[in-house]
Amino acid sequence: MNILPGIGIGEIRYGMVEKEIISFFGKPDRIDESEYVEGNGDWHRELWYSLRNLTFTFNNDDDFRLGTITVMGAGYSLFKKQLFGLGVEEVSRLIAKDTGEIAKLEDWSSEELPNHKCLIHDGLGIMFPNYHSC
């Protein structure tokens, strides 16, 4: 499947409702529902398709329409390139070549993930997390 920045992935489009995703992929492996911050009323639901390396997130502030697609593994391409398994510098270079914009590398380290870095490309609206040292 091709990742289509600002549009979706393959035939899946931002703004779809859960029933449309389930109609396309079938029953998800797992459905999670929670608040981003407990007690604030900002609810979201996630449909997990683990074997496909995908999750789809629907937020209540978007009337539970698809707002976030998370790709968690290989099998998906961006600009006809497979990016999984590549180093952060190589991903940054490839994206800059296709977009003319240099992505920012941010340190998102925490106690649980001490080497968590994230390459953020504002123009594409895409984040590329890297949980290992760069």
C-alpha atoms as a PDB file:
ATOM      1  CA  MET A   1       0.000   0.000   0.000  1.00  0.00           C
ATOM      2  CA  ASN A   2       1.102   3.515  -0.690  1.00  0.00           C
ATOM      3  CA  ILE A   3       1.111   6.156   2.033  1.00  0.00           C
ATOM      4  CA  LEU A   4      -0.618   9.234   0.629  1.00  0.00           C
ATOM      5  CA  PRO A   5       0.295  12.259   2.809  1.00  0.00           C
ATOM      6  CA  GLY A   6      -2.774  14.233   3.829  1.00  0.00           C
ATOM      7  CA  ILE A   7      -5.057  11.736   2.052  1.00  0.00           C
ATOM      8  CA  GLY A   8      -4.678   8.312   3.642  1.00  0.00           C
ATOM      9  CA  ILE A   9      -3.141   4.947   2.835  1.00  0.00           C
ATOM     10  CA  GLY A  10      -4.122   2.786  -0.107  1.00  0.00           C
ATOM     11  CA  GLU A  11      -7.894   3.111  -0.458  1.00  0.00           C
ATOM     12  CA  ILE A  12      -8.351   4.281   3.149  1.00  0.00           C
ATOM     13  CA  ARG A  13      -9.006   8.016   3.468  1.00  0.00           C
ATOM     14  CA  TYR A  14      -8.932  10.409   6.398  1.00  0.00           C
ATOM     15  CA  GLY A  15     -12.479  11.242   7.493  1.00  0.00           C
ATOM     16  CA  MET A  16     -13.840   7.716   7.017  1.00  0.00           C
ATOM     17  CA  VAL A  17     -15.913   6.194   9.824  1.00  0.00           C
ATOM     18  CA  GLU A  18     -15.070   2.973  11.660  1.00  0.00           C
ATOM     19  CA  LYS A  19     -17.638   0.916   9.744  1.00  0.00           C
ATOM     20  CA  GLU A  20     -15.899   1.785   6.487  1.00  0.00           C
ATOM     21  CA  ILE A  21     -12.510   0.646   7.773  1.00  0.00           C
ATOM     22  CA  ILE A  22     -13.998  -2.574   9.168  1.00  0.00           C
ATOM     23  CA  SER A  23     -15.815  -3.184   5.877  1.00  0.00           C
ATOM     24  CA  PHE A  24     -12.489  -2.885   4.053  1.00  0.00           C
ATOM     25  CA  PHE A  25     -10.164  -4.797   6.445  1.00  0.00           C
ATOM     26  CA  GLY A  26     -12.587  -6.921   8.439  1.00  0.00           C
ATOM     27  CA  LYS A  27     -12.810  -7.177  12.205  1.00  0.00           C
ATOM     28  CA  PRO A  28      -9.807  -5.581  13.943  1.00  0.00           C
ATOM     29  CA  ASP A  29      -7.552  -7.598  16.260  1.00  0.00           C
ATOM     30  CA  ARG A  30      -8.260  -5.154  19.047  1.00  0.00           C
ATOM     31  CA  ILE A  31     -10.252  -2.004  19.743  1.00  0.00           C
ATOM     32  CA  ASP A  32      -9.018   0.411  22.396  1.00  0.00           C
ATOM     33  CA  GLU A  33     -11.051   3.311  23.734  1.00  0.00           C
ATOM     34  CA  SER A  34      -9.613   5.841  26.154  1.00  0.00           C
ATOM     35  CA  GLU A  35      -9.117   9.483  27.028  1.00  0.00           C
ATOM     36  CA  TYR A  36      -5.854  11.167  26.087  1.00  0.00           C
ATOM     37  CA  VAL A  37      -5.805  12.746  29.552  1.00  0.00           C
ATOM     38  CA  GLU A  38      -8.103  11.172  32.127  1.00  0.00           C
ATOM     39  CA  GLY A  39     -11.094  13.328  32.940  1.00  0.00           C
ATOM     40  CA  ASN A  40     -10.735  15.833  30.089  1.00  0.00           C
ATOM     41  CA  GLY A  41     -13.387  14.271  27.827  1.00  0.00           C
ATOM     42  CA  ASP A  42     -11.037  13.971  24.863  1.00  0.00           C
ATOM     43  CA  TRP A  43     -11.874  10.380  23.866  1.00  0.00           C
ATOM     44  CA  HIS A  44     -10.431   8.354  21.045  1.00  0.00           C
ATOM     45  CA  ARG A  45     -10.863   4.845  19.661  1.00  0.00           C
ATOM     46  CA  GLU A  46      -8.187   2.797  17.950  1.00  0.00           C
ATOM     47  CA  LEU A  47      -8.717  -0.120  15.612  1.00  0.00           C
ATOM     48  CA  TRP A  48      -5.692  -2.417  15.628  1.00  0.00           C
ATOM     49  CA  TYR A  49      -4.753  -4.586  12.655  1.00  0.00           C
ATOM     50  CA  SER A  50      -1.549  -6.103  14.017  1.00  0.00           C
ATOM     51  CA  LEU A  51      -0.842  -8.494  11.139  1.00  0.00           C
ATOM     52  CA  ARG A  52      -1.143  -5.562   8.728  1.00  0.00           C
ATOM     53  CA  ASN A  53       1.033  -3.315  10.953  1.00  0.00           C
ATOM     54  CA  LEU A  54      -1.694  -0.653  11.077  1.00  0.00           C
ATOM     55  CA  THR A  55      -3.803   1.215  13.605  1.00  0.00           C
ATOM     56  CA  PHE A  56      -6.561   3.699  12.844  1.00  0.00           C
ATOM     57  CA  THR A  57      -7.508   6.369  15.390  1.00  0.00           C
ATOM     58  CA  PHE A  58     -10.877   8.115  15.630  1.00  0.00           C
ATOM     59  CA  ASN A  59     -11.282  11.118  17.975  1.00  0.00           C
ATOM     60  CA  ASN A  60     -14.501  12.431  19.505  1.00  0.00           C
ATOM     61  CA  ASP A  61     -13.549  16.000  18.567  1.00  0.00           C
ATOM     62  CA  ASP A  62     -13.602  14.840  14.897  1.00  0.00           C
ATOM     63  CA  ASP A  63     -17.010  13.138  15.316  1.00  0.00           C
ATOM     64  CA  PHE A  64     -15.123   9.831  15.477  1.00  0.00           C
ATOM     65  CA  ARG A  65     -13.909  10.081  11.899  1.00  0.00           C
ATOM     66  CA  LEU A  66     -10.488   8.734  10.935  1.00  0.00           C
ATOM     67  CA  GLY A  67      -7.872  11.257  11.995  1.00  0.00           C
ATOM     68  CA  THR A  68      -4.655   9.286  12.443  1.00  0.00           C
ATOM     69  CA  ILE A  69      -3.162   6.309  10.642  1.00  0.00           C
ATOM     70  CA  THR A  70      -0.211   4.597  12.282  1.00  0.00           C
ATOM     71  CA  VAL A  71       2.016   2.351  10.184  1.00  0.00           C
ATOM     72  CA  MET A  72       4.073   0.079  12.433  1.00  0.00           C
ATOM     73  CA  GLY A  73       6.076  -2.030  10.010  1.00  0.00           C
ATOM     74  CA  ALA A  74       7.203  -2.868   6.508  1.00  0.00           C
ATOM     75  CA  GLY A  75       4.985  -3.309   3.483  1.00  0.00           C
ATOM     76  CA  TYR A  76       4.074   0.339   2.951  1.00  0.00           C
ATOM     77  CA  SER A  77       5.758   2.857   0.710  1.00  0.00           C
ATOM     78  CA  LEU A  78       6.054   6.630   0.646  1.00  0.00           C
ATOM     79  CA  PHE A  79       6.991   8.205  -2.700  1.00  0.00           C
ATOM     80  CA  LYS A  80       7.441   4.641  -4.016  1.00  0.00           C
ATOM     81  CA  LYS A  81      10.147   3.973  -1.417  1.00  0.00           C
ATOM     82  CA  GLN A  82      10.161   1.483   1.441  1.00  0.00           C
ATOM     83  CA  LEU A  83      11.395   3.433   4.485  1.00  0.00           C
ATOM     84  CA  PHE A  84      11.196   0.814   7.235  1.00  0.00           C
ATOM     85  CA  GLY A  85      14.562  -0.452   8.312  1.00  0.00           C
ATOM     86  CA  LEU A  86      16.373   2.647   7.055  1.00  0.00           C
ATOM     87  CA  GLY A  87      18.303   4.929   9.384  1.00  0.00           C
ATOM     88  CA  VAL A  88      16.954   8.337  10.356  1.00  0.00           C
ATOM     89  CA  GLU A  89      19.519  10.186   8.240  1.00  0.00           C
ATOM     90  CA  GLU A  90      18.656   8.158   5.147  1.00  0.00           C
ATOM     91  CA  VAL A  91      14.901   8.636   5.656  1.00  0.00           C
ATOM     92  CA  SER A  92      15.454  12.372   6.124  1.00  0.00           C
ATOM     93  CA  ARG A  93      17.546  12.569   2.968  1.00  0.00           C
ATOM     94  CA  LEU A  94      15.003  10.646   0.858  1.00  0.00           C
ATOM     95  CA  ILE A  95      12.090  12.773   2.063  1.00  0.00           C
ATOM     96  CA  ALA A  96      14.000  16.022   1.513  1.00  0.00           C
ATOM     97  CA  LYS A  97      14.774  14.910  -2.037  1.00  0.00           C
ATOM     98  CA  ASP A  98      11.057  14.377  -2.769  1.00  0.00           C
ATOM     99  CA  THR A  99       9.663  17.380  -0.898  1.00  0.00           C
ATOM    100  CA  GLY A 100      12.409  19.972  -0.734  1.00  0.00           C
ATOM    101  CA  GLU A 101      11.775  20.242   3.025  1.00  0.00           C
ATOM    102  CA  ILE A 102      14.167  19.016   5.687  1.00  0.00           C
ATOM    103  CA  ALA A 103      12.477  17.124   8.511  1.00  0.00           C
ATOM    104  CA  LYS A 104      13.277  17.989  12.132  1.00  0.00           C
ATOM    105  CA  LEU A 105      14.724  15.374  14.467  1.00  0.00           C
ATOM    106  CA  GLU A 106      13.284  15.767  17.966  1.00  0.00           C
ATOM    107  CA  ASP A 107      14.321  13.996  21.144  1.00  0.00           C
ATOM    108  CA  TRP A 108      11.265  12.314  22.679  1.00  0.00           C
ATOM    109  CA  SER A 109      13.250  10.276  25.205  1.00  0.00           C
ATOM    110  CA  SER A 110      11.636   9.163  28.418  1.00  0.00           C
ATOM    111  CA  GLU A 111      12.444   6.766  31.214  1.00  0.00           C
ATOM    112  CA  GLU A 112      10.601   3.994  29.351  1.00  0.00           C
ATOM    113  CA  LEU A 113      12.173   4.873  25.960  1.00  0.00           C
ATOM    114  CA  PRO A 114      15.573   6.426  26.692  1.00  0.00           C
ATOM    115  CA  ASN A 115      16.637   6.683  23.018  1.00  0.00           C
ATOM    116  CA  HIS A 116      13.327   7.711  21.453  1.00  0.00           C
ATOM    117  CA  LYS A 117      13.792  10.183  18.640  1.00  0.00           C
ATOM    118  CA  CYS A 118      11.171  11.315  16.164  1.00  0.00           C
ATOM    119  CA  LEU A 119      11.708  12.713  12.684  1.00  0.00           C
ATOM    120  CA  ILE A 120       8.909  15.207  12.010  1.00  0.00           C
ATOM    121  CA  HIS A 121       7.994  16.488   8.583  1.00  0.00           C
ATOM    122  CA  ASP A 122       5.490  19.325   8.946  1.00  0.00           C
ATOM    123  CA  GLY A 123       4.755  19.662   5.235  1.00  0.00           C
ATOM    124  CA  LEU A 124       3.690  16.029   4.965  1.00  0.00           C
ATOM    125  CA  GLY A 125       2.083  15.872   8.407  1.00  0.00           C
ATOM    126  CA  ILE A 126       4.048  12.692   9.111  1.00  0.00           C
ATOM    127  CA  MET A 127       6.154  11.582  12.073  1.00  0.00           C
ATOM    128  CA  PHE A 128       8.803   8.877  11.771  1.00  0.00           C
ATOM    129  CA  PRO A 129       9.646   7.531  15.239  1.00  0.00           C
ATOM    130  CA  ASN A 130      12.985   5.895  15.917  1.00  0.00           C
ATOM    131  CA  TYR A 131      13.316   4.044  19.207  1.00  0.00           C
ATOM    132  CA  HIS A 132      17.040   3.409  18.910  1.00  0.00           C
ATOM    133  CA  SER A 133      20.103   5.595  18.948  1.00  0.00           C
ATOM    134  CA  CYS A 134      20.751   7.420  15.703  1.00  0.00           C
END
